[in-house]
Amino acid sequence: MSELPKARIATASLAGCFGCHMAILDIDERLIELMQLVDVDRSPLTDKKRFTQRCDIGIIEGGCCNEENVHVLHDFRRNCDVLIALGQCAIMGGLPAMRNAIMHSDAPLRECLDEAYITGKYIRNTTHNVPNDPALPLLLDEVYPCSQVVEIDYQIPGCAPSGDIIFDTLSKLLTGKFRGFEREMIKFD
């Protein structure tokens, strides 16, 4: 009997804390079982910066707060058959989206950056400049969840999701058995 080819997966971290990638590692020894089903393409876990070929599944953590995040997310949508938003930052913007409330108040982006880099009570910026290097990605007017930028096929909730729900979802997707989340898997106490 011939063995089925391994699925290709890719992962990326956008505007977030990298906690969801750490949660992937919380799959623990089941990673060995999962690695029998997949090859990892572009990912901070492999340090591959570009896609080497089309992927079956793309996993995104974090929302979009700058133009680079949007570019990466579009690249994943183009190169992945299935795209998964992993964690609350990818699903709803998470903690980075807290700046949205500030940006929609009376303080435009420039005032927020001045407060963060120049005028803040505990700032020791001797240059009195806001970082503005061409290498820095342009900030967006607000932080957007992934689904407001591209079509997302699945969302795995949590901050960060447990290794159990990540493993269960991925293994069922890879074997064609995913029918949604079991209630006890998405219960957060």
N, C-alpha and C. Protein backbone atom coordinates (compact mmCIF):
# COMPACT_ATOMS: atom_id res chain seq x y z
N MET A 1 0.84 -1.17 0.00
CA MET A 1 0.00 0.00 0.00
C MET A 1 0.89 1.24 0.00
N SER A 2 0.60 2.20 -0.87
CA SER A 2 1.42 3.41 -0.93
C SER A 2 1.00 4.40 0.15
N GLU A 3 1.99 5.08 0.66
CA GLU A 3 1.76 6.07 1.71
C GLU A 3 1.27 7.37 1.09
N LEU A 4 0.29 8.02 1.74
CA LEU A 4 -0.21 9.29 1.24
C LEU A 4 0.88 10.35 1.34
N PRO A 5 0.93 11.27 0.37
CA PRO A 5 1.93 12.34 0.47
C PRO A 5 1.62 13.24 1.66
N LYS A 6 2.66 13.80 2.23
CA LYS A 6 2.48 14.71 3.35
C LYS A 6 1.87 16.02 2.88
N ALA A 7 1.05 16.60 3.73
CA ALA A 7 0.51 17.93 3.46
C ALA A 7 1.60 18.95 3.74
N ARG A 8 1.53 20.09 3.07
CA ARG A 8 2.47 21.19 3.32
C ARG A 8 1.74 22.25 4.12
N ILE A 9 2.37 22.71 5.19
CA ILE A 9 1.80 23.80 5.98
C ILE A 9 2.82 24.93 6.08
N ALA A 10 2.28 26.12 6.31
CA ALA A 10 3.11 27.31 6.51
C ALA A 10 2.49 28.09 7.66
N THR A 11 3.33 28.82 8.39
CA THR A 11 2.83 29.64 9.50
C THR A 11 3.47 31.02 9.44
N ALA A 12 2.77 32.00 10.02
CA ALA A 12 3.33 33.35 10.12
C ALA A 12 2.77 34.02 11.37
N SER A 13 3.56 34.93 11.91
CA SER A 13 3.14 35.74 13.04
C SER A 13 3.08 37.19 12.60
N LEU A 14 1.92 37.81 12.73
CA LEU A 14 1.76 39.21 12.35
C LEU A 14 1.78 40.05 13.62
N ALA A 15 0.81 40.96 13.81
CA ALA A 15 0.79 41.82 14.99
C ALA A 15 0.23 41.04 16.18
N GLY A 16 1.10 40.56 17.00
CA GLY A 16 0.73 39.78 18.17
C GLY A 16 1.96 39.56 19.01
N CYS A 17 1.90 38.57 19.87
CA CYS A 17 3.00 38.36 20.83
C CYS A 17 3.80 37.09 20.57
N PHE A 18 3.47 36.34 19.53
CA PHE A 18 4.11 35.07 19.20
C PHE A 18 3.65 33.95 20.13
N GLY A 19 2.67 34.22 20.99
CA GLY A 19 2.16 33.22 21.92
C GLY A 19 1.48 32.05 21.23
N CYS A 20 0.85 32.29 20.10
CA CYS A 20 0.18 31.20 19.40
C CYS A 20 1.19 30.23 18.80
N HIS A 21 2.33 30.73 18.35
CA HIS A 21 3.38 29.82 17.89
C HIS A 21 3.93 29.01 19.06
N MET A 22 4.04 29.63 20.21
CA MET A 22 4.46 28.89 21.41
C MET A 22 3.43 27.82 21.75
N ALA A 23 2.14 28.13 21.53
CA ALA A 23 1.08 27.16 21.78
C ALA A 23 1.18 25.98 20.82
N ILE A 24 1.64 26.23 19.59
CA ILE A 24 1.87 25.12 18.66
C ILE A 24 2.90 24.17 19.27
N LEU A 25 3.93 24.73 19.87
CA LEU A 25 4.94 23.89 20.52
C LEU A 25 4.37 23.16 21.73
N ASP A 26 3.26 23.68 22.31
CA ASP A 26 2.61 23.02 23.44
C ASP A 26 1.89 21.74 23.03
N ILE A 27 1.92 21.42 21.75
CA ILE A 27 1.41 20.12 21.31
C ILE A 27 2.29 19.02 21.90
N ASP A 28 3.51 19.39 22.30
CA ASP A 28 4.46 18.49 22.95
C ASP A 28 4.80 17.30 22.07
N GLU A 29 4.82 16.10 22.65
CA GLU A 29 5.27 14.92 21.91
C GLU A 29 4.36 14.58 20.74
N ARG A 30 3.15 15.10 20.72
CA ARG A 30 2.26 14.87 19.58
C ARG A 30 2.77 15.57 18.32
N LEU A 31 3.74 16.49 18.48
CA LEU A 31 4.37 17.10 17.30
C LEU A 31 5.00 16.02 16.41
N ILE A 32 5.52 14.98 17.02
CA ILE A 32 6.11 13.88 16.25
C ILE A 32 5.04 13.24 15.38
N GLU A 33 3.88 13.00 15.96
CA GLU A 33 2.76 12.43 15.21
C GLU A 33 2.32 13.38 14.09
N LEU A 34 2.23 14.67 14.41
CA LEU A 34 1.81 15.66 13.43
C LEU A 34 2.83 15.77 12.30
N MET A 35 4.11 15.71 12.63
CA MET A 35 5.16 15.83 11.61
C MET A 35 5.17 14.65 10.64
N GLN A 36 4.54 13.56 11.02
CA GLN A 36 4.41 12.43 10.09
C GLN A 36 3.37 12.73 9.02
N LEU A 37 2.51 13.73 9.28
CA LEU A 37 1.46 14.10 8.34
C LEU A 37 1.81 15.33 7.50
N VAL A 38 2.80 16.13 7.95
CA VAL A 38 3.07 17.41 7.28
C VAL A 38 4.55 17.66 7.06
N ASP A 39 4.80 18.49 6.08
CA ASP A 39 6.09 19.13 5.89
C ASP A 39 5.85 20.61 6.12
N VAL A 40 6.73 21.27 6.86
CA VAL A 40 6.57 22.69 7.16
C VAL A 40 7.35 23.50 6.14
N ASP A 41 6.64 24.40 5.48
CA ASP A 41 7.25 25.28 4.49
C ASP A 41 7.61 26.59 5.18
N ARG A 42 7.20 27.69 4.63
CA ARG A 42 7.50 29.02 5.20
C ARG A 42 6.98 29.11 6.63
N SER A 43 7.88 29.44 7.56
CA SER A 43 7.48 29.53 8.96
C SER A 43 8.63 30.05 9.80
N PRO A 44 8.33 30.80 10.87
CA PRO A 44 9.40 31.15 11.80
C PRO A 44 9.93 29.91 12.53
N LEU A 45 9.16 28.83 12.51
CA LEU A 45 9.62 27.59 13.14
C LEU A 45 10.71 26.91 12.33
N THR A 46 10.75 27.19 11.02
CA THR A 46 11.78 26.62 10.15
C THR A 46 12.76 27.69 9.67
N ASP A 47 12.43 28.94 9.91
CA ASP A 47 13.19 30.10 9.46
C ASP A 47 13.17 30.26 7.94
N LYS A 48 12.20 29.63 7.26
CA LYS A 48 12.03 29.85 5.82
C LYS A 48 11.21 31.12 5.65
N LYS A 49 11.74 32.07 4.91
CA LYS A 49 11.12 33.38 4.77
C LYS A 49 10.18 33.49 3.57
N ARG A 50 10.27 32.54 2.63
CA ARG A 50 9.45 32.57 1.43
C ARG A 50 8.87 31.18 1.18
N PHE A 51 7.75 31.16 0.48
CA PHE A 51 7.15 29.88 0.10
C PHE A 51 8.06 29.17 -0.89
N THR A 52 8.24 27.88 -0.71
CA THR A 52 9.01 27.10 -1.67
C THR A 52 8.08 26.41 -2.67
N GLN A 53 6.82 26.22 -2.28
CA GLN A 53 5.79 25.69 -3.17
C GLN A 53 4.42 25.93 -2.53
N ARG A 54 3.38 25.61 -3.26
CA ARG A 54 2.02 25.81 -2.74
C ARG A 54 1.82 24.96 -1.49
N CYS A 55 1.07 25.51 -0.53
CA CYS A 55 0.82 24.82 0.74
C CYS A 55 -0.66 24.45 0.87
N ASP A 56 -0.89 23.35 1.54
CA ASP A 56 -2.26 22.92 1.80
C ASP A 56 -2.91 23.78 2.88
N ILE A 57 -2.16 24.10 3.93
CA ILE A 57 -2.70 24.85 5.06
C ILE A 57 -1.73 25.97 5.44
N GLY A 58 -2.28 27.16 5.63
CA GLY A 58 -1.53 28.29 6.17
C GLY A 58 -2.13 28.66 7.52
N ILE A 59 -1.28 28.91 8.49
CA ILE A 59 -1.72 29.28 9.84
C ILE A 59 -1.18 30.66 10.15
N ILE A 60 -2.09 31.59 10.47
CA ILE A 60 -1.71 32.97 10.75
C ILE A 60 -2.05 33.31 12.18
N GLU A 61 -1.09 33.83 12.92
CA GLU A 61 -1.39 34.41 14.22
C GLU A 61 -1.15 35.91 14.13
N GLY A 62 -1.95 36.67 14.86
CA GLY A 62 -1.80 38.12 14.86
C GLY A 62 -2.67 38.79 13.83
N GLY A 63 -2.99 40.05 14.08
CA GLY A 63 -3.77 40.84 13.15
C GLY A 63 -2.85 41.67 12.27
N CYS A 64 -3.44 42.61 11.56
CA CYS A 64 -2.69 43.46 10.63
C CYS A 64 -2.61 44.88 11.17
N CYS A 65 -1.41 45.33 11.53
CA CYS A 65 -1.24 46.69 12.04
C CYS A 65 -0.37 47.53 11.12
N ASN A 66 0.27 46.90 10.12
CA ASN A 66 1.12 47.67 9.20
C ASN A 66 1.07 47.05 7.81
N GLU A 67 1.65 47.76 6.86
CA GLU A 67 1.57 47.31 5.46
C GLU A 67 2.27 45.98 5.23
N GLU A 68 3.31 45.69 5.99
CA GLU A 68 4.00 44.40 5.85
C GLU A 68 3.07 43.25 6.27
N ASN A 69 2.32 43.43 7.37
CA ASN A 69 1.37 42.40 7.80
C ASN A 69 0.36 42.10 6.69
N VAL A 70 -0.15 43.15 6.05
CA VAL A 70 -1.12 42.97 4.97
C VAL A 70 -0.48 42.22 3.80
N HIS A 71 0.74 42.58 3.45
CA HIS A 71 1.45 41.91 2.36
C HIS A 71 1.63 40.41 2.67
N VAL A 72 2.08 40.10 3.89
CA VAL A 72 2.28 38.70 4.28
C VAL A 72 0.96 37.94 4.23
N LEU A 73 -0.11 38.55 4.74
CA LEU A 73 -1.41 37.88 4.75
C LEU A 73 -1.91 37.60 3.33
N HIS A 74 -1.77 38.57 2.43
CA HIS A 74 -2.15 38.35 1.03
C HIS A 74 -1.30 37.24 0.40
N ASP A 75 -0.01 37.22 0.71
CA ASP A 75 0.89 36.18 0.21
C ASP A 75 0.44 34.80 0.68
N PHE A 76 0.03 34.69 1.94
CA PHE A 76 -0.47 33.42 2.46
C PHE A 76 -1.76 33.01 1.76
N ARG A 77 -2.66 33.95 1.56
CA ARG A 77 -3.93 33.61 0.90
C ARG A 77 -3.66 33.11 -0.52
N ARG A 78 -2.72 33.72 -1.23
CA ARG A 78 -2.38 33.30 -2.60
C ARG A 78 -1.72 31.93 -2.63
N ASN A 79 -0.97 31.58 -1.59
CA ASN A 79 -0.15 30.37 -1.62
C ASN A 79 -0.66 29.21 -0.78
N CYS A 80 -1.81 29.37 -0.13
CA CYS A 80 -2.34 28.31 0.74
C CYS A 80 -3.78 27.98 0.34
N ASP A 81 -4.07 26.69 0.25
CA ASP A 81 -5.43 26.26 -0.08
C ASP A 81 -6.40 26.59 1.04
N VAL A 82 -5.98 26.37 2.28
CA VAL A 82 -6.80 26.62 3.46
C VAL A 82 -6.03 27.59 4.34
N LEU A 83 -6.73 28.61 4.85
CA LEU A 83 -6.08 29.59 5.71
C LEU A 83 -6.79 29.62 7.07
N ILE A 84 -5.99 29.44 8.12
CA ILE A 84 -6.51 29.38 9.49
C ILE A 84 -6.02 30.60 10.26
N ALA A 85 -6.98 31.31 10.90
CA ALA A 85 -6.65 32.39 11.83
C ALA A 85 -6.51 31.74 13.21
N LEU A 86 -5.33 31.83 13.79
CA LEU A 86 -5.03 31.17 15.07
C LEU A 86 -4.97 32.21 16.18
N GLY A 87 -5.91 32.15 17.11
CA GLY A 87 -5.88 33.02 18.27
C GLY A 87 -6.67 34.32 18.09
N GLN A 88 -6.90 34.98 19.22
CA GLN A 88 -7.74 36.17 19.24
C GLN A 88 -7.18 37.34 18.46
N CYS A 89 -5.87 37.51 18.40
CA CYS A 89 -5.31 38.63 17.63
C CYS A 89 -5.63 38.47 16.15
N ALA A 90 -5.52 37.25 15.63
CA ALA A 90 -5.84 37.00 14.22
C ALA A 90 -7.34 37.09 13.97
N ILE A 91 -8.15 36.66 14.96
CA ILE A 91 -9.60 36.62 14.79
C ILE A 91 -10.24 37.98 15.01
N MET A 92 -9.80 38.71 16.04
CA MET A 92 -10.48 39.96 16.41
C MET A 92 -9.54 41.16 16.53
N GLY A 93 -8.26 40.98 16.32
CA GLY A 93 -7.29 42.07 16.49
C GLY A 93 -6.56 42.00 17.81
N GLY A 94 -7.18 41.37 18.82
CA GLY A 94 -6.53 41.14 20.11
C GLY A 94 -6.03 42.41 20.78
N LEU A 95 -5.03 42.25 21.62
CA LEU A 95 -4.47 43.39 22.35
C LEU A 95 -3.93 44.49 21.44
N PRO A 96 -3.27 44.15 20.32
CA PRO A 96 -2.80 45.24 19.46
C PRO A 96 -3.93 46.16 18.99
N ALA A 97 -5.15 45.64 18.88
CA ALA A 97 -6.28 46.45 18.42
C ALA A 97 -6.76 47.45 19.48
N MET A 98 -6.20 47.38 20.68
CA MET A 98 -6.57 48.37 21.69
C MET A 98 -6.22 49.78 21.23
N ARG A 99 -5.24 49.89 20.34
CA ARG A 99 -4.90 51.23 19.84
C ARG A 99 -6.00 51.79 18.96
N ASN A 100 -6.89 50.93 18.45
CA ASN A 100 -7.99 51.43 17.60
C ASN A 100 -8.86 52.43 18.35
N ALA A 101 -9.15 52.17 19.62
CA ALA A 101 -9.98 53.08 20.40
C ALA A 101 -9.28 54.43 20.59
N ILE A 102 -7.99 54.39 20.75
CA ILE A 102 -7.22 55.62 20.92
C ILE A 102 -7.18 56.39 19.60
N MET A 103 -6.96 55.67 18.53
CA MET A 103 -6.84 56.32 17.22
C MET A 103 -8.15 56.96 16.78
N HIS A 104 -9.27 56.44 17.26
CA HIS A 104 -10.56 57.00 16.85
C HIS A 104 -11.05 58.07 17.83
N SER A 105 -10.22 58.37 18.82
CA SER A 105 -10.57 59.46 19.73
C SER A 105 -10.03 60.76 19.15
N ASP A 106 -9.70 61.68 19.99
CA ASP A 106 -9.20 62.97 19.52
C ASP A 106 -7.69 62.94 19.22
N ALA A 107 -7.04 61.79 19.37
CA ALA A 107 -5.60 61.72 19.18
C ALA A 107 -5.27 61.01 17.87
N PRO A 108 -4.90 61.74 16.85
CA PRO A 108 -4.50 61.08 15.61
C PRO A 108 -3.18 60.32 15.78
N LEU A 109 -2.83 59.54 14.79
CA LEU A 109 -1.64 58.69 14.84
C LEU A 109 -0.40 59.47 15.25
N ARG A 110 -0.20 60.65 14.70
CA ARG A 110 1.01 61.44 15.01
C ARG A 110 1.10 61.74 16.50
N GLU A 111 -0.01 62.10 17.12
CA GLU A 111 0.00 62.40 18.56
C GLU A 111 0.32 61.14 19.37
N CYS A 112 -0.19 60.01 18.94
CA CYS A 112 0.11 58.76 19.65
C CYS A 112 1.59 58.41 19.54
N LEU A 113 2.15 58.58 18.36
CA LEU A 113 3.57 58.28 18.18
C LEU A 113 4.44 59.26 18.98
N ASP A 114 4.05 60.53 19.01
CA ASP A 114 4.79 61.50 19.82
C ASP A 114 4.77 61.10 21.29
N GLU A 115 3.61 60.70 21.78
CA GLU A 115 3.50 60.27 23.18
C GLU A 115 4.37 59.04 23.45
N ALA A 116 4.37 58.09 22.51
CA ALA A 116 5.12 56.85 22.70
C ALA A 116 6.63 57.05 22.61
N TYR A 117 7.08 57.99 21.78
CA TYR A 117 8.52 58.13 21.53
C TYR A 117 9.16 59.42 22.03
N ILE A 118 8.37 60.47 22.29
CA ILE A 118 8.97 61.76 22.60
C ILE A 118 8.48 62.35 23.92
N THR A 119 7.19 62.52 24.06
CA THR A 119 6.67 63.29 25.19
C THR A 119 6.22 62.45 26.39
N GLY A 120 6.21 61.13 26.26
CA GLY A 120 5.77 60.28 27.36
C GLY A 120 6.60 60.50 28.62
N LYS A 121 5.96 60.36 29.75
CA LYS A 121 6.58 60.65 31.05
C LYS A 121 7.91 59.91 31.26
N TYR A 122 8.00 58.68 30.81
CA TYR A 122 9.19 57.86 31.09
C TYR A 122 10.08 57.66 29.86
N ILE A 123 9.89 58.47 28.84
CA ILE A 123 10.66 58.35 27.60
C ILE A 123 12.01 59.05 27.75
N ARG A 124 13.06 58.37 27.34
CA ARG A 124 14.42 58.94 27.35
C ARG A 124 14.98 58.91 25.93
N ASN A 125 14.31 59.61 25.04
CA ASN A 125 14.69 59.66 23.63
C ASN A 125 15.46 60.96 23.41
N THR A 126 16.77 60.89 23.40
CA THR A 126 17.59 62.10 23.29
C THR A 126 17.52 62.75 21.90
N THR A 127 17.11 61.99 20.89
CA THR A 127 17.01 62.57 19.54
C THR A 127 15.70 63.32 19.35
N HIS A 128 14.70 63.03 20.18
CA HIS A 128 13.37 63.64 20.06
C HIS A 128 12.75 63.41 18.69
N ASN A 129 13.03 62.23 18.14
CA ASN A 129 12.47 61.86 16.84
C ASN A 129 11.65 60.59 16.98
N VAL A 130 10.58 60.51 16.20
CA VAL A 130 9.81 59.27 16.05
C VAL A 130 10.54 58.44 15.00
N PRO A 131 10.78 57.14 15.26
CA PRO A 131 11.45 56.33 14.24
C PRO A 131 10.72 56.44 12.90
N ASN A 132 11.49 56.72 11.85
CA ASN A 132 10.90 56.95 10.54
C ASN A 132 11.87 56.51 9.45
N ASP A 133 12.36 55.31 9.59
CA ASP A 133 13.29 54.76 8.60
C ASP A 133 12.50 54.12 7.46
N PRO A 134 12.94 54.25 6.22
CA PRO A 134 12.22 53.61 5.11
C PRO A 134 12.09 52.09 5.27
N ALA A 135 12.95 51.48 6.08
CA ALA A 135 12.87 50.04 6.30
C ALA A 135 11.71 49.65 7.21
N LEU A 136 11.17 50.61 7.95
CA LEU A 136 10.05 50.33 8.85
C LEU A 136 8.75 50.31 8.06
N PRO A 137 7.91 49.29 8.27
CA PRO A 137 6.64 49.24 7.53
C PRO A 137 5.70 50.37 7.98
N LEU A 138 4.93 50.86 7.04
CA LEU A 138 3.99 51.93 7.30
C LEU A 138 2.85 51.42 8.19
N LEU A 139 2.57 52.14 9.28
CA LEU A 139 1.47 51.77 10.17
C LEU A 139 0.14 52.01 9.47
N LEU A 140 -0.82 51.11 9.70
CA LEU A 140 -2.17 51.30 9.21
C LEU A 140 -2.94 52.21 10.17
N ASP A 141 -4.06 52.72 9.72
CA ASP A 141 -4.86 53.60 10.56
C ASP A 141 -5.43 52.88 11.77
N GLU A 142 -5.58 51.56 11.69
CA GLU A 142 -6.01 50.76 12.83
C GLU A 142 -5.51 49.33 12.64
N VAL A 143 -5.71 48.50 13.65
CA VAL A 143 -5.34 47.09 13.57
C VAL A 143 -6.57 46.33 13.08
N TYR A 144 -6.37 45.50 12.07
CA TYR A 144 -7.48 44.77 11.46
C TYR A 144 -7.34 43.27 11.73
N PRO A 145 -8.46 42.59 12.04
CA PRO A 145 -8.42 41.14 12.09
C PRO A 145 -8.18 40.59 10.69
N CYS A 146 -7.62 39.40 10.62
CA CYS A 146 -7.28 38.83 9.31
C CYS A 146 -8.47 38.74 8.37
N SER A 147 -9.65 38.42 8.91
CA SER A 147 -10.83 38.25 8.06
C SER A 147 -11.30 39.54 7.41
N GLN A 148 -10.81 40.69 7.86
CA GLN A 148 -11.15 41.95 7.20
C GLN A 148 -10.17 42.27 6.07
N VAL A 149 -9.16 41.43 5.91
CA VAL A 149 -8.15 41.66 4.87
C VAL A 149 -8.24 40.59 3.78
N VAL A 150 -8.41 39.33 4.17
CA VAL A 150 -8.53 38.22 3.22
C VAL A 150 -9.60 37.24 3.73
N GLU A 151 -9.98 36.32 2.88
CA GLU A 151 -10.92 35.28 3.30
C GLU A 151 -10.19 34.27 4.20
N ILE A 152 -10.78 33.99 5.33
CA ILE A 152 -10.24 33.02 6.29
C ILE A 152 -11.16 31.80 6.28
N ASP A 153 -10.58 30.62 6.22
CA ASP A 153 -11.38 29.40 6.15
C ASP A 153 -11.78 28.87 7.53
N TYR A 154 -10.86 28.94 8.48
CA TYR A 154 -11.14 28.45 9.83
C TYR A 154 -10.53 29.40 10.85
N GLN A 155 -11.15 29.44 12.04
CA GLN A 155 -10.63 30.24 13.14
C GLN A 155 -10.50 29.34 14.36
N ILE A 156 -9.32 29.36 14.98
CA ILE A 156 -9.12 28.61 16.23
C ILE A 156 -9.01 29.64 17.34
N PRO A 157 -10.05 29.71 18.23
CA PRO A 157 -10.09 30.75 19.25
C PRO A 157 -9.15 30.49 20.42
N GLY A 158 -8.88 31.55 21.17
CA GLY A 158 -8.09 31.45 22.40
C GLY A 158 -6.97 32.46 22.41
N CYS A 159 -6.45 32.69 23.59
CA CYS A 159 -5.32 33.61 23.77
C CYS A 159 -4.39 33.02 24.83
N ALA A 160 -3.53 32.24 24.39
CA ALA A 160 -3.40 31.54 23.12
C ALA A 160 -4.25 30.28 23.18
N PRO A 161 -4.63 29.73 22.00
CA PRO A 161 -5.34 28.46 22.01
C PRO A 161 -4.47 27.38 22.65
N SER A 162 -5.10 26.40 23.23
CA SER A 162 -4.34 25.32 23.86
C SER A 162 -3.69 24.45 22.79
N GLY A 163 -2.60 23.81 23.15
CA GLY A 163 -1.98 22.84 22.25
C GLY A 163 -2.96 21.75 21.86
N ASP A 164 -3.87 21.40 22.78
CA ASP A 164 -4.86 20.36 22.51
C ASP A 164 -5.78 20.74 21.36
N ILE A 165 -6.32 21.97 21.39
CA ILE A 165 -7.26 22.37 20.33
C ILE A 165 -6.53 22.55 19.00
N ILE A 166 -5.29 23.01 19.05
CA ILE A 166 -4.51 23.15 17.81
C ILE A 166 -4.24 21.78 17.21
N PHE A 167 -3.78 20.84 18.03
CA PHE A 167 -3.50 19.49 17.55
C PHE A 167 -4.77 18.83 17.02
N ASP A 168 -5.85 18.91 17.80
CA ASP A 168 -7.11 18.28 17.40
C ASP A 168 -7.60 18.83 16.06
N THR A 169 -7.58 20.15 15.92
CA THR A 169 -8.06 20.78 14.69
C THR A 169 -7.18 20.41 13.50
N LEU A 170 -5.86 20.54 13.66
CA LEU A 170 -4.96 20.23 12.54
C LEU A 170 -5.03 18.75 12.14
N SER A 171 -5.00 17.86 13.12
CA SER A 171 -5.01 16.43 12.78
C SER A 171 -6.32 16.04 12.10
N LYS A 172 -7.44 16.63 12.54
CA LYS A 172 -8.72 16.34 11.89
C LYS A 172 -8.81 16.97 10.51
N LEU A 173 -8.30 18.18 10.34
CA LEU A 173 -8.28 18.80 9.00
C LEU A 173 -7.43 17.97 8.04
N LEU A 174 -6.29 17.52 8.51
CA LEU A 174 -5.37 16.77 7.66
C LEU A 174 -5.90 15.40 7.27
N THR A 175 -6.78 14.83 8.09
CA THR A 175 -7.34 13.51 7.79
C THR A 175 -8.77 13.60 7.28
N GLY A 176 -9.26 14.82 7.03
CA GLY A 176 -10.60 15.00 6.49
C GLY A 176 -11.71 14.73 7.49
N LYS A 177 -11.42 14.78 8.77
CA LYS A 177 -12.42 14.44 9.79
C LYS A 177 -12.90 15.66 10.59
N PHE A 178 -12.46 16.86 10.24
CA PHE A 178 -12.87 18.04 11.01
C PHE A 178 -14.32 18.39 10.70
N ARG A 179 -15.14 18.46 11.73
CA ARG A 179 -16.56 18.81 11.58
C ARG A 179 -16.94 19.96 12.51
N GLY A 180 -15.95 20.70 12.97
CA GLY A 180 -16.20 21.79 13.90
C GLY A 180 -15.61 21.45 15.26
N PHE A 181 -15.71 22.41 16.17
CA PHE A 181 -15.11 22.24 17.49
C PHE A 181 -16.08 21.57 18.44
N GLU A 182 -15.55 20.67 19.24
CA GLU A 182 -16.35 20.10 20.32
C GLU A 182 -16.41 21.14 21.43
N ARG A 183 -17.57 21.25 22.06
CA ARG A 183 -17.81 22.29 23.06
C ARG A 183 -16.73 22.33 24.13
N GLU A 184 -16.32 21.17 24.62
CA GLU A 184 -15.33 21.15 25.71
C GLU A 184 -13.95 21.62 25.25
N MET A 185 -13.72 21.62 23.94
CA MET A 185 -12.42 22.08 23.43
C MET A 185 -12.32 23.61 23.43
N ILE A 186 -13.45 24.30 23.31
CA ILE A 186 -13.38 25.76 23.24
C ILE A 186 -13.94 26.42 24.49
N LYS A 187 -14.04 25.68 25.56
CA LYS A 187 -14.50 26.23 26.85
C LYS A 187 -13.31 26.89 27.52
N PHE A 188 -13.46 28.14 27.90
CA PHE A 188 -12.36 28.88 28.53
C PHE A 188 -12.78 29.26 29.95
N ASP A 189 -12.15 28.64 30.92
CA ASP A 189 -12.43 28.96 32.33
C ASP A 189 -11.37 29.83 32.92
